[in-house]
Amino acid sequence: MIKDMKQRLPIRWLAPEVLSTGTFTKKSDVYSFGVLLWEVLAGYRLSAPDKMPRGVRVIMTKQCFPGNPDERSRMSEVGRYCCMSYSYTGTKQCLA
């Protein structure tokens, strides 16, 4: 259930009824999965918003989105990079 209707939501992936009812269901998850399938099969990649910090942009474009799977980082590497880049107090705390 959406507690604050003023919060930012990933509209692109939301089923239309979620916007009107504020409630997520298994059926709304199926809709979102359909959008994901479309993006994957169409080769669509999200573009980085202008306000995205440079470090996050690098993570998204260089570590997560390469078309060749062999060029993508492992999730543990992405997590470590996030921790180091954003000066968390410790990797164990950051990745917990």
PDB file of N, CA and C in Angstrom:
ATOM      1  N   MET A   1       0.845  -1.176   0.000  1.00  0.00           N
ATOM      2  CA  MET A   1       0.000   0.000   0.000  1.00  0.00           C
ATOM      3  C   MET A   1       0.889   1.238   0.000  1.00  0.00           C
ATOM      4  N   ILE A   2       0.539   2.204  -0.785  1.00  0.00           N
ATOM      5  CA  ILE A   2       1.275   3.460  -0.821  1.00  0.00           C
ATOM      6  C   ILE A   2       0.790   4.316   0.342  1.00  0.00           C
ATOM      7  N   LYS A   3       1.709   4.651   1.246  1.00  0.00           N
ATOM      8  CA  LYS A   3       1.322   5.413   2.433  1.00  0.00           C
ATOM      9  C   LYS A   3       1.243   6.905   2.160  1.00  0.00           C
ATOM     10  N   ASP A   4       2.104   7.403   1.292  1.00  0.00           N
ATOM     11  CA  ASP A   4       2.134   8.826   0.981  1.00  0.00           C
ATOM     12  C   ASP A   4       2.008   8.985  -0.531  1.00  0.00           C
ATOM     13  N   MET A   5       0.850   9.407  -0.984  1.00  0.00           N
ATOM     14  CA  MET A   5       0.607   9.516  -2.427  1.00  0.00           C
ATOM     15  C   MET A   5       1.437  10.628  -3.073  1.00  0.00           C
ATOM     16  N   LYS A   6       2.142  11.424  -2.262  1.00  0.00           N
ATOM     17  CA  LYS A   6       2.994  12.476  -2.810  1.00  0.00           C
ATOM     18  C   LYS A   6       4.425  11.997  -3.015  1.00  0.00           C
ATOM     19  N   GLN A   7       4.723  10.773  -2.562  1.00  0.00           N
ATOM     20  CA  GLN A   7       6.084  10.260  -2.731  1.00  0.00           C
ATOM     21  C   GLN A   7       6.358   9.951  -4.194  1.00  0.00           C
ATOM     22  N   ARG A   8       7.624   9.972  -4.550  1.00  0.00           N
ATOM     23  CA  ARG A   8       8.009   9.661  -5.926  1.00  0.00           C
ATOM     24  C   ARG A   8       7.867   8.163  -6.153  1.00  0.00           C
ATOM     25  N   LEU A   9       7.253   7.815  -7.259  1.00  0.00           N
ATOM     26  CA  LEU A   9       7.021   6.407  -7.591  1.00  0.00           C
ATOM     27  C   LEU A   9       7.525   6.123  -9.003  1.00  0.00           C
ATOM     28  N   PRO A  10       7.932   4.891  -9.278  1.00  0.00           N
ATOM     29  CA  PRO A  10       8.380   4.527 -10.623  1.00  0.00           C
ATOM     30  C   PRO A  10       7.177   4.348 -11.547  1.00  0.00           C
ATOM     31  N   ILE A  11       6.587   5.446 -11.966  1.00  0.00           N
ATOM     32  CA  ILE A  11       5.343   5.443 -12.734  1.00  0.00           C
ATOM     33  C   ILE A  11       5.430   4.522 -13.948  1.00  0.00           C
ATOM     34  N   ARG A  12       6.566   4.512 -14.604  1.00  0.00           N
ATOM     35  CA  ARG A  12       6.730   3.724 -15.828  1.00  0.00           C
ATOM     36  C   ARG A  12       6.379   2.258 -15.607  1.00  0.00           C
ATOM     37  N   TRP A  13       6.639   1.726 -14.407  1.00  0.00           N
ATOM     38  CA  TRP A  13       6.437   0.300 -14.151  1.00  0.00           C
ATOM     39  C   TRP A  13       5.158   0.002 -13.381  1.00  0.00           C
ATOM     40  N   LEU A  14       4.464   1.033 -12.939  1.00  0.00           N
ATOM     41  CA  LEU A  14       3.264   0.804 -12.128  1.00  0.00           C
ATOM     42  C   LEU A  14       2.059   0.454 -12.987  1.00  0.00           C
ATOM     43  N   ALA A  15       1.297  -0.496 -12.504  1.00  0.00           N
ATOM     44  CA  ALA A  15       0.023  -0.810 -13.148  1.00  0.00           C
ATOM     45  C   ALA A  15      -0.916   0.377 -12.935  1.00  0.00           C
ATOM     46  N   PRO A  16      -1.758   0.683 -13.902  1.00  0.00           N
ATOM     47  CA  PRO A  16      -2.647   1.842 -13.785  1.00  0.00           C
ATOM     48  C   PRO A  16      -3.483   1.850 -12.505  1.00  0.00           C
ATOM     49  N   GLU A  17      -3.940   0.679 -12.061  1.00  0.00           N
ATOM     50  CA  GLU A  17      -4.793   0.648 -10.866  1.00  0.00           C
ATOM     51  C   GLU A  17      -4.044   1.034  -9.594  1.00  0.00           C
ATOM     52  N   VAL A  18      -2.727   0.872  -9.579  1.00  0.00           N
ATOM     53  CA  VAL A  18      -1.955   1.254  -8.388  1.00  0.00           C
ATOM     54  C   VAL A  18      -2.037   2.757  -8.180  1.00  0.00           C
ATOM     55  N   LEU A  19      -2.019   3.500  -9.270  1.00  0.00           N
ATOM     56  CA  LEU A  19      -2.110   4.957  -9.153  1.00  0.00           C
ATOM     57  C   LEU A  19      -3.461   5.402  -8.612  1.00  0.00           C
ATOM     58  N   SER A  20      -4.502   4.683  -8.954  1.00  0.00           N
ATOM     59  CA  SER A  20      -5.830   5.098  -8.488  1.00  0.00           C
ATOM     60  C   SER A  20      -6.177   4.541  -7.115  1.00  0.00           C
ATOM     61  N   THR A  21      -5.684   3.339  -6.798  1.00  0.00           N
ATOM     62  CA  THR A  21      -6.050   2.735  -5.506  1.00  0.00           C
ATOM     63  C   THR A  21      -4.965   2.863  -4.452  1.00  0.00           C
ATOM     64  N   GLY A  22      -3.714   3.040  -4.898  1.00  0.00           N
ATOM     65  CA  GLY A  22      -2.606   3.105  -3.951  1.00  0.00           C
ATOM     66  C   GLY A  22      -2.239   1.753  -3.372  1.00  0.00           C
ATOM     67  N   THR A  23      -2.734   0.682  -3.978  1.00  0.00           N
ATOM     68  CA  THR A  23      -2.502  -0.662  -3.455  1.00  0.00           C
ATOM     69  C   THR A  23      -1.783  -1.529  -4.485  1.00  0.00           C
ATOM     70  N   PHE A  24      -0.714  -2.187  -4.026  1.00  0.00           N
ATOM     71  CA  PHE A  24       0.005  -3.140  -4.866  1.00  0.00           C
ATOM     72  C   PHE A  24      -0.600  -4.520  -4.678  1.00  0.00           C
ATOM     73  N   THR A  25      -0.697  -5.274  -5.765  1.00  0.00           N
ATOM     74  CA  THR A  25      -1.234  -6.635  -5.707  1.00  0.00           C
ATOM     75  C   THR A  25      -0.343  -7.554  -6.536  1.00  0.00           C
ATOM     76  N   LYS A  26      -0.622  -8.831  -6.479  1.00  0.00           N
ATOM     77  CA  LYS A  26       0.111  -9.766  -7.330  1.00  0.00           C
ATOM     78  C   LYS A  26      -0.133  -9.445  -8.798  1.00  0.00           C
ATOM     79  N   LYS A  27      -1.329  -8.987  -9.115  1.00  0.00           N
ATOM     80  CA  LYS A  27      -1.655  -8.644 -10.502  1.00  0.00           C
ATOM     81  C   LYS A  27      -0.897  -7.392 -10.947  1.00  0.00           C
ATOM     82  N   SER A  28      -0.709  -6.425 -10.039  1.00  0.00           N
ATOM     83  CA  SER A  28       0.068  -5.241 -10.415  1.00  0.00           C
ATOM     84  C   SER A  28       1.541  -5.607 -10.596  1.00  0.00           C
ATOM     85  N   ASP A  29       2.013  -6.598  -9.840  1.00  0.00           N
ATOM     86  CA  ASP A  29       3.380  -7.091 -10.028  1.00  0.00           C
ATOM     87  C   ASP A  29       3.540  -7.725 -11.409  1.00  0.00           C
ATOM     88  N   VAL A  30       2.510  -8.440 -11.866  1.00  0.00           N
ATOM     89  CA  VAL A  30       2.549  -9.060 -13.191  1.00  0.00           C
ATOM     90  C   VAL A  30       2.654  -7.976 -14.263  1.00  0.00           C
ATOM     91  N   TYR A  31       1.904  -6.896 -14.109  1.00  0.00           N
ATOM     92  CA  TYR A  31       1.968  -5.779 -15.052  1.00  0.00           C
ATOM     93  C   TYR A  31       3.395  -5.224 -15.100  1.00  0.00           C
ATOM     94  N   SER A  32       3.973  -4.982 -13.926  1.00  0.00           N
ATOM     95  CA  SER A  32       5.330  -4.434 -13.847  1.00  0.00           C
ATOM     96  C   SER A  32       6.339  -5.369 -14.499  1.00  0.00           C
ATOM     97  N   PHE A  33       6.159  -6.664 -14.301  1.00  0.00           N
ATOM     98  CA  PHE A  33       7.045  -7.639 -14.919  1.00  0.00           C
ATOM     99  C   PHE A  33       6.924  -7.577 -16.442  1.00  0.00           C
ATOM    100  N   GLY A  34       5.719  -7.363 -16.936  1.00  0.00           N
ATOM    101  CA  GLY A  34       5.518  -7.213 -18.380  1.00  0.00           C
ATOM    102  C   GLY A  34       6.286  -6.022 -18.932  1.00  0.00           C
ATOM    103  N   VAL A  35       6.305  -4.920 -18.197  1.00  0.00           N
ATOM    104  CA  VAL A  35       7.072  -3.746 -18.620  1.00  0.00           C
ATOM    105  C   VAL A  35       8.562  -4.086 -18.647  1.00  0.00           C
ATOM    106  N   LEU A  36       9.019  -4.786 -17.619  1.00  0.00           N
ATOM    107  CA  LEU A  36      10.419  -5.208 -17.575  1.00  0.00           C
ATOM    108  C   LEU A  36      10.764  -6.071 -18.791  1.00  0.00           C
ATOM    109  N   LEU A  37       9.897  -7.030 -19.121  1.00  0.00           N
ATOM    110  CA  LEU A  37      10.136  -7.879 -20.293  1.00  0.00           C
ATOM    111  C   LEU A  37      10.239  -7.050 -21.564  1.00  0.00           C
ATOM    112  N   TRP A  38       9.343  -6.076 -21.708  1.00  0.00           N
ATOM    113  CA  TRP A  38       9.375  -5.221 -22.888  1.00  0.00           C
ATOM    114  C   TRP A  38      10.716  -4.501 -22.977  1.00  0.00           C
ATOM    115  N   GLU A  39      11.169  -3.936 -21.859  1.00  0.00           N
ATOM    116  CA  GLU A  39      12.432  -3.202 -21.864  1.00  0.00           C
ATOM    117  C   GLU A  39      13.605  -4.109 -22.227  1.00  0.00           C
ATOM    118  N   VAL A  40      13.626  -5.304 -21.659  1.00  0.00           N
ATOM    119  CA  VAL A  40      14.722  -6.235 -21.933  1.00  0.00           C
ATOM    120  C   VAL A  40      14.719  -6.647 -23.399  1.00  0.00           C
ATOM    121  N   LEU A  41      13.567  -7.034 -23.918  1.00  0.00           N
ATOM    122  CA  LEU A  41      13.492  -7.525 -25.293  1.00  0.00           C
ATOM    123  C   LEU A  41      13.644  -6.418 -26.331  1.00  0.00           C
ATOM    124  N   ALA A  42      13.282  -5.197 -25.959  1.00  0.00           N
ATOM    125  CA  ALA A  42      13.437  -4.070 -26.872  1.00  0.00           C
ATOM    126  C   ALA A  42      14.857  -3.508 -26.825  1.00  0.00           C
ATOM    127  N   GLY A  43      15.651  -3.979 -25.857  1.00  0.00           N
ATOM    128  CA  GLY A  43      17.009  -3.465 -25.713  1.00  0.00           C
ATOM    129  C   GLY A  43      17.045  -2.084 -25.094  1.00  0.00           C
ATOM    130  N   TYR A  44      15.966  -1.705 -24.457  1.00  0.00           N
ATOM    131  CA  TYR A  44      15.856  -0.371 -23.869  1.00  0.00           C
ATOM    132  C   TYR A  44      16.695  -0.271 -22.604  1.00  0.00           C
ATOM    133  N   ARG A  45      17.423   0.822 -22.457  1.00  0.00           N
ATOM    134  CA  ARG A  45      18.167   1.105 -21.238  1.00  0.00           C
ATOM    135  C   ARG A  45      17.741   2.479 -20.746  1.00  0.00           C
ATOM    136  N   LEU A  46      17.493   2.571 -19.467  1.00  0.00           N
ATOM    137  CA  LEU A  46      17.133   3.864 -18.893  1.00  0.00           C
ATOM    138  C   LEU A  46      18.289   4.838 -19.066  1.00  0.00           C
ATOM    139  N   SER A  47      17.963   6.085 -19.352  1.00  0.00           N
ATOM    140  CA  SER A  47      19.007   7.104 -19.403  1.00  0.00           C
ATOM    141  C   SER A  47      19.119   7.741 -18.022  1.00  0.00           C
ATOM    142  N   ALA A  48      20.290   8.228 -17.715  1.00  0.00           N
ATOM    143  CA  ALA A  48      20.525   8.835 -16.409  1.00  0.00           C
ATOM    144  C   ALA A  48      19.883  10.219 -16.364  1.00  0.00           C
ATOM    145  N   PRO A  49      19.114  10.510 -15.306  1.00  0.00           N
ATOM    146  CA  PRO A  49      18.536  11.843 -15.177  1.00  0.00           C
ATOM    147  C   PRO A  49      19.636  12.885 -14.967  1.00  0.00           C
ATOM    148  N   ASP A  50      19.375  14.113 -15.373  1.00  0.00           N
ATOM    149  CA  ASP A  50      20.359  15.187 -15.244  1.00  0.00           C
ATOM    150  C   ASP A  50      20.832  15.385 -13.807  1.00  0.00           C
ATOM    151  N   LYS A  51      19.945  15.186 -12.851  1.00  0.00           N
ATOM    152  CA  LYS A  51      20.284  15.432 -11.447  1.00  0.00           C
ATOM    153  C   LYS A  51      21.027  14.271 -10.791  1.00  0.00           C
ATOM    154  N   MET A  52      21.240  13.191 -11.527  1.00  0.00           N
ATOM    155  CA  MET A  52      21.904  12.022 -10.944  1.00  0.00           C
ATOM    156  C   MET A  52      23.362  12.356 -10.642  1.00  0.00           C
ATOM    157  N   PRO A  53      23.814  12.083  -9.418  1.00  0.00           N
ATOM    158  CA  PRO A  53      25.225  12.321  -9.086  1.00  0.00           C
ATOM    159  C   PRO A  53      26.140  11.508 -10.002  1.00  0.00           C
ATOM    160  N   ARG A  54      27.294  12.073 -10.320  1.00  0.00           N
ATOM    161  CA  ARG A  54      28.220  11.438 -11.254  1.00  0.00           C
ATOM    162  C   ARG A  54      28.570  10.012 -10.822  1.00  0.00           C
ATOM    163  N   GLY A  55      28.828   9.799  -9.540  1.00  0.00           N
ATOM    164  CA  GLY A  55      29.196   8.473  -9.054  1.00  0.00           C
ATOM    165  C   GLY A  55      28.112   7.442  -9.305  1.00  0.00           C
ATOM    166  N   VAL A  56      26.871   7.835  -9.112  1.00  0.00           N
ATOM    167  CA  VAL A  56      25.747   6.926  -9.347  1.00  0.00           C
ATOM    168  C   VAL A  56      25.606   6.659 -10.845  1.00  0.00           C
ATOM    169  N   ARG A  57      25.837   7.688 -11.636  1.00  0.00           N
ATOM    170  CA  ARG A  57      25.776   7.539 -13.099  1.00  0.00           C
ATOM    171  C   ARG A  57      26.812   6.512 -13.576  1.00  0.00           C
ATOM    172  N   VAL A  58      28.007   6.578 -12.999  1.00  0.00           N
ATOM    173  CA  VAL A  58      29.063   5.626 -13.362  1.00  0.00           C
ATOM    174  C   VAL A  58      28.642   4.207 -12.988  1.00  0.00           C
ATOM    175  N   ILE A  59      28.103   4.052 -11.789  1.00  0.00           N
ATOM    176  CA  ILE A  59      27.642   2.729 -11.355  1.00  0.00           C
ATOM    177  C   ILE A  59      26.614   2.186 -12.341  1.00  0.00           C
ATOM    178  N   MET A  60      25.627   3.019 -12.665  1.00  0.00           N
ATOM    179  CA  MET A  60      24.540   2.574 -13.527  1.00  0.00           C
ATOM    180  C   MET A  60      25.039   2.234 -14.932  1.00  0.00           C
ATOM    181  N   THR A  61      25.795   3.153 -15.534  1.00  0.00           N
ATOM    182  CA  THR A  61      26.165   2.972 -16.934  1.00  0.00           C
ATOM    183  C   THR A  61      27.344   2.035 -17.146  1.00  0.00           C
ATOM    184  N   LYS A  62      28.325   2.082 -16.270  1.00  0.00           N
ATOM    185  CA  LYS A  62      29.547   1.298 -16.476  1.00  0.00           C
ATOM    186  C   LYS A  62      29.513  -0.065 -15.798  1.00  0.00           C
ATOM    187  N   GLN A  63      28.782  -0.177 -14.684  1.00  0.00           N
ATOM    188  CA  GLN A  63      28.788  -1.436 -13.952  1.00  0.00           C
ATOM    189  C   GLN A  63      27.514  -2.257 -14.153  1.00  0.00           C
ATOM    190  N   CYS A  64      26.384  -1.595 -14.346  1.00  0.00           N
ATOM    191  CA  CYS A  64      25.103  -2.319 -14.401  1.00  0.00           C
ATOM    192  C   CYS A  64      24.547  -2.515 -15.811  1.00  0.00           C
ATOM    193  N   PHE A  65      24.731  -1.554 -16.707  1.00  0.00           N
ATOM    194  CA  PHE A  65      24.024  -1.561 -17.979  1.00  0.00           C
ATOM    195  C   PHE A  65      24.801  -1.994 -19.219  1.00  0.00           C
ATOM    196  N   PRO A  66      26.065  -2.405 -19.148  1.00  0.00           N
ATOM    197  CA  PRO A  66      26.705  -2.824 -20.401  1.00  0.00           C
ATOM    198  C   PRO A  66      25.884  -3.913 -21.097  1.00  0.00           C
ATOM    199  N   GLY A  67      25.798  -3.824 -22.416  1.00  0.00           N
ATOM    200  CA  GLY A  67      25.043  -4.815 -23.172  1.00  0.00           C
ATOM    201  C   GLY A  67      25.642  -6.206 -23.090  1.00  0.00           C
ATOM    202  N   ASN A  68      26.963  -6.272 -23.009  1.00  0.00           N
ATOM    203  CA  ASN A  68      27.655  -7.556 -22.902  1.00  0.00           C
ATOM    204  C   ASN A  68      27.683  -7.974 -21.431  1.00  0.00           C
ATOM    205  N   PRO A  69      27.059  -9.087 -21.068  1.00  0.00           N
ATOM    206  CA  PRO A  69      27.019  -9.508 -19.667  1.00  0.00           C
ATOM    207  C   PRO A  69      28.399  -9.667 -19.040  1.00  0.00           C
ATOM    208  N   ASP A  70      29.397 -10.045 -19.844  1.00  0.00           N
ATOM    209  CA  ASP A  70      30.744 -10.217 -19.304  1.00  0.00           C
ATOM    210  C   ASP A  70      31.357  -8.900 -18.838  1.00  0.00           C
ATOM    211  N   GLU A  71      30.825  -7.786 -19.321  1.00  0.00           N
ATOM    212  CA  GLU A  71      31.340  -6.473 -18.937  1.00  0.00           C
ATOM    213  C   GLU A  71      30.654  -5.920 -17.691  1.00  0.00           C
ATOM    214  N   ARG A  72      29.594  -6.575 -17.229  1.00  0.00           N
ATOM    215  CA  ARG A  72      28.885  -6.116 -16.029  1.00  0.00           C
ATOM    216  C   ARG A  72      29.601  -6.579 -14.774  1.00  0.00           C
ATOM    217  N   SER A  73      29.557  -5.731 -13.760  1.00  0.00           N
ATOM    218  CA  SER A  73      30.161  -6.075 -12.473  1.00  0.00           C
ATOM    219  C   SER A  73      29.294  -7.071 -11.730  1.00  0.00           C
ATOM    220  N   ARG A  74      29.900  -7.795 -10.796  1.00  0.00           N
ATOM    221  CA  ARG A  74      29.113  -8.624  -9.879  1.00  0.00           C
ATOM    222  C   ARG A  74      28.449  -7.687  -8.881  1.00  0.00           C
ATOM    223  N   MET A  75      27.328  -8.108  -8.317  1.00  0.00           N
ATOM    224  CA  MET A  75      26.602  -7.259  -7.375  1.00  0.00           C
ATOM    225  C   MET A  75      27.475  -6.913  -6.172  1.00  0.00           C
ATOM    226  N   SER A  76      28.316  -7.838  -5.738  1.00  0.00           N
ATOM    227  CA  SER A  76      29.202  -7.555  -4.606  1.00  0.00           C
ATOM    228  C   SER A  76      30.157  -6.409  -4.943  1.00  0.00           C
ATOM    229  N   GLU A  77      30.616  -6.337  -6.196  1.00  0.00           N
ATOM    230  CA  GLU A  77      31.489  -5.241  -6.616  1.00  0.00           C
ATOM    231  C   GLU A  77      30.726  -3.922  -6.644  1.00  0.00           C
ATOM    232  N   VAL A  78      29.497  -3.961  -7.133  1.00  0.00           N
ATOM    233  CA  VAL A  78      28.671  -2.748  -7.156  1.00  0.00           C
ATOM    234  C   VAL A  78      28.460  -2.248  -5.730  1.00  0.00           C
ATOM    235  N   GLY A  79      28.135  -3.168  -4.821  1.00  0.00           N
ATOM    236  CA  GLY A  79      27.929  -2.792  -3.423  1.00  0.00           C
ATOM    237  C   GLY A  79      29.173  -2.191  -2.807  1.00  0.00           C
ATOM    238  N   ARG A  80      30.324  -2.802  -3.069  1.00  0.00           N
ATOM    239  CA  ARG A  80      31.586  -2.281  -2.524  1.00  0.00           C
ATOM    240  C   ARG A  80      31.871  -0.891  -3.078  1.00  0.00           C
ATOM    241  N   TYR A  81      31.647  -0.711  -4.369  1.00  0.00           N
ATOM    242  CA  TYR A  81      31.879   0.584  -4.995  1.00  0.00           C
ATOM    243  C   TYR A  81      30.974   1.648  -4.376  1.00  0.00           C
ATOM    244  N   CYS A  82      29.714   1.290  -4.140  1.00  0.00           N
ATOM    245  CA  CYS A  82      28.780   2.230  -3.508  1.00  0.00           C
ATOM    246  C   CYS A  82      29.274   2.617  -2.118  1.00  0.00           C
ATOM    247  N   CYS A  83      29.707   1.634  -1.362  1.00  0.00           N
ATOM    248  CA  CYS A  83      30.186   1.897  -0.002  1.00  0.00           C
ATOM    249  C   CYS A  83      31.403   2.810  -0.014  1.00  0.00           C
ATOM    250  N   MET A  84      32.342   2.526  -0.895  1.00  0.00           N
ATOM    251  CA  MET A  84      33.560   3.335  -0.956  1.00  0.00           C
ATOM    252  C   MET A  84      33.259   4.737  -1.473  1.00  0.00           C
ATOM    253  N   SER A  85      32.404   4.831  -2.441  1.00  0.00           N
ATOM    254  CA  SER A  85      32.107   6.115  -3.068  1.00  0.00           C
ATOM    255  C   SER A  85      31.341   7.057  -2.156  1.00  0.00           C
ATOM    256  N   TYR A  86      30.563   6.505  -1.278  1.00  0.00           N
ATOM    257  CA  TYR A  86      29.714   7.360  -0.462  1.00  0.00           C
ATOM    258  C   TYR A  86      30.108   7.363   0.999  1.00  0.00           C
ATOM    259  N   SER A  87      31.373   7.012   1.267  1.00  0.00           N
ATOM    260  CA  SER A  87      31.993   7.155   2.587  1.00  0.00           C
ATOM    261  C   SER A  87      31.172   6.593   3.728  1.00  0.00           C
ATOM    262  N   TYR A  88      30.683   5.379   3.567  1.00  0.00           N
ATOM    263  CA  TYR A  88      30.008   4.725   4.679  1.00  0.00           C
ATOM    264  C   TYR A  88      31.044   4.386   5.733  1.00  0.00           C
ATOM    265  N   THR A  89      30.609   4.198   6.968  1.00  0.00           N
ATOM    266  CA  THR A  89      31.538   3.970   8.069  1.00  0.00           C
ATOM    267  C   THR A  89      32.272   2.649   7.951  1.00  0.00           C
ATOM    268  N   GLY A  90      31.732   1.701   7.257  1.00  0.00           N
ATOM    269  CA  GLY A  90      32.414   0.420   7.092  1.00  0.00           C
ATOM    270  C   GLY A  90      31.662  -0.464   6.125  1.00  0.00           C
ATOM    271  N   THR A  91      32.400  -1.292   5.417  1.00  0.00           N
ATOM    272  CA  THR A  91      31.780  -2.160   4.425  1.00  0.00           C
ATOM    273  C   THR A  91      30.786  -3.121   5.055  1.00  0.00           C
ATOM    274  N   LYS A  92      31.136  -3.687   6.210  1.00  0.00           N
ATOM    275  CA  LYS A  92      30.220  -4.637   6.839  1.00  0.00           C
ATOM    276  C   LYS A  92      28.889  -3.970   7.150  1.00  0.00           C
ATOM    277  N   GLN A  93      28.946  -2.743   7.681  1.00  0.00           N
ATOM    278  CA  GLN A  93      27.706  -2.029   8.003  1.00  0.00           C
ATOM    279  C   GLN A  93      26.960  -1.683   6.722  1.00  0.00           C
ATOM    280  N   CYS A  94      27.678  -1.244   5.716  1.00  0.00           N
ATOM    281  CA  CYS A  94      27.057  -0.834   4.462  1.00  0.00           C
ATOM    282  C   CYS A  94      26.367  -2.004   3.772  1.00  0.00           C
ATOM    283  N   LEU A  95      27.020  -3.148   3.744  1.00  0.00           N
ATOM    284  CA  LEU A  95      26.484  -4.287   3.007  1.00  0.00           C
ATOM    285  C   LEU A  95      25.564  -5.161   3.832  1.00  0.00           C
ATOM    286  N   ALA A  96      25.372  -4.817   5.103  1.00  0.00           N
ATOM    287  CA  ALA A  96      24.519  -5.634   5.983  1.00  0.00           C
ATOM    288  C   ALA A  96      23.076  -5.525   5.583  1.00  0.00           C
TER     289      ALA A  96
END
